[in-house]
Amino acid sequence: MTPPIRTCLGCRARRPKTAMLRLVRGAGGVVVVDRRRTAGGRGAYVCEDPGCLERAVRGGRLAHAFRAPSDPGPELRGGAGAPATEPVERRRRERRARTAAGASA
């Protein structure tokens, strides 16, 4: 079975849903990263690349994706250096470690 595919708001690349960050729009119109991928409501996806996150935040892409006026939350406003990118790097390291552990077993 093939995994669900999503399109990145930043670069428009199509990737498996599990390889991307999920963004959700709260009731107040503030967009935040849904790290657990379980928040209710409409989601939008971005590659784990900080550049894609930055492109998704600017240029009205969030409002278009959520079909409503949307403002980036505090963790998204900083662009490439935003705290939202720190967990991305940590998840990449964890994924590599799991892959390496599975390959050596």
Protein backbone atom coordinates (compact mmCIF):
# COMPACT_ATOMS: atom_id res chain seq x y z
CA MET A 1 0.00 0.00 0.00
CA THR A 2 1.39 3.40 -0.95
CA PRO A 3 1.50 6.12 1.71
CA PRO A 4 -0.64 9.25 1.30
CA ILE A 5 1.07 11.92 -0.80
CA ARG A 6 0.89 15.65 -0.02
CA THR A 7 2.14 18.77 -1.83
CA CYS A 8 4.51 21.19 -0.10
CA LEU A 9 3.27 24.78 0.22
CA GLY A 10 6.81 26.05 -0.20
CA CYS A 11 8.26 24.19 -3.18
CA ARG A 12 5.20 22.35 -4.57
CA ALA A 13 7.06 19.00 -4.42
CA ARG A 14 4.94 15.93 -3.77
CA ARG A 15 6.13 13.72 -0.93
CA PRO A 16 4.76 11.13 1.51
CA LYS A 17 2.71 12.75 4.25
CA THR A 18 4.99 11.31 6.95
CA ALA A 19 8.03 13.14 5.52
CA MET A 20 6.43 16.57 5.92
CA LEU A 21 5.42 19.02 8.63
CA ARG A 22 1.68 19.49 9.10
CA LEU A 23 0.38 23.00 9.68
CA VAL A 24 -3.08 23.67 11.10
CA ARG A 25 -5.15 26.83 11.39
CA GLY A 26 -6.69 27.44 14.79
CA ALA A 27 -10.06 29.04 15.41
CA GLY A 28 -8.47 32.49 15.69
CA GLY A 29 -6.80 32.15 12.31
CA VAL A 30 -3.34 31.50 13.75
CA VAL A 31 -1.37 28.77 11.97
CA VAL A 32 0.85 26.49 14.05
CA VAL A 33 2.89 23.32 13.48
CA ASP A 34 0.95 20.17 14.37
CA ARG A 35 3.84 18.02 15.56
CA ARG A 36 1.65 15.03 16.44
CA ARG A 37 -0.33 15.30 13.19
CA THR A 38 -3.56 14.76 15.12
CA ALA A 39 -5.09 18.23 15.46
CA GLY A 40 -8.56 18.55 14.03
CA GLY A 41 -9.39 20.63 11.03
CA ARG A 42 -7.84 21.35 7.70
CA GLY A 43 -4.12 20.73 7.40
CA ALA A 44 -1.46 22.02 5.04
CA TYR A 45 1.93 20.43 4.53
CA VAL A 46 5.47 21.74 4.15
CA CYS A 47 8.76 19.95 3.50
CA GLU A 48 11.11 19.71 6.45
CA ASP A 49 13.41 22.17 4.66
CA PRO A 50 13.56 25.54 6.48
CA GLY A 51 13.44 27.33 3.10
CA CYS A 52 10.12 25.70 2.27
CA LEU A 53 8.72 26.73 5.64
CA GLU A 54 9.81 30.31 5.00
CA ARG A 55 8.25 30.38 1.50
CA ALA A 56 5.01 28.90 2.84
CA VAL A 57 4.67 31.61 5.49
CA ARG A 58 5.04 34.55 3.13
CA GLY A 59 3.16 35.39 -0.03
CA GLY A 60 -0.37 34.49 1.04
CA ARG A 61 0.15 30.74 0.65
CA LEU A 62 -1.30 29.99 4.07
CA ALA A 63 -4.52 31.87 3.37
CA HIS A 64 -4.85 30.08 0.05
CA ALA A 65 -4.23 26.64 1.58
CA PHE A 66 -6.64 27.17 4.46
CA ARG A 67 -9.22 29.01 2.35
CA ALA A 68 -9.46 31.70 5.02
CA PRO A 69 -7.39 34.61 6.33
CA SER A 70 -4.46 33.07 8.22
CA ASP A 71 -1.62 34.43 10.32
CA PRO A 72 1.55 32.50 11.08
CA GLY A 73 1.96 31.71 14.77
CA PRO A 74 5.00 32.92 16.71
CA GLU A 75 6.99 29.78 15.93
CA LEU A 76 6.48 30.28 12.17
CA ARG A 77 7.20 34.01 11.93
CA GLY A 78 10.97 33.71 12.32
CA GLY A 79 11.54 32.01 8.94
CA ALA A 80 14.53 29.72 8.53
CA GLY A 81 15.76 30.30 12.09
CA ALA A 82 12.37 29.75 13.70
CA PRO A 83 11.98 27.36 16.61
CA ALA A 84 9.73 25.24 14.35
CA THR A 85 12.80 24.11 12.42
CA GLU A 86 14.62 22.82 15.51
CA PRO A 87 12.27 19.83 15.99
CA VAL A 88 12.61 19.13 12.27
CA GLU A 89 16.35 18.63 12.61
CA ARG A 90 15.84 16.49 15.71
CA ARG A 91 13.31 14.29 13.88
CA ARG A 92 15.73 13.88 10.97
CA ARG A 93 18.48 12.71 13.34
CA GLU A 94 16.09 10.31 15.08
CA ARG A 95 14.89 8.90 11.75
CA ARG A 96 18.48 8.37 10.57
CA ALA A 97 19.34 6.64 13.84
CA ARG A 98 16.34 4.29 13.54
CA THR A 99 17.22 3.51 9.93
CA ALA A 100 20.84 2.81 10.84
CA ALA A 101 19.78 0.61 13.77
CA GLY A 102 17.41 -1.34 11.52
CA ALA A 103 20.09 -1.81 8.85
CA SER A 104 22.62 -3.15 11.36
CA ALA A 105 20.17 -5.62 12.91
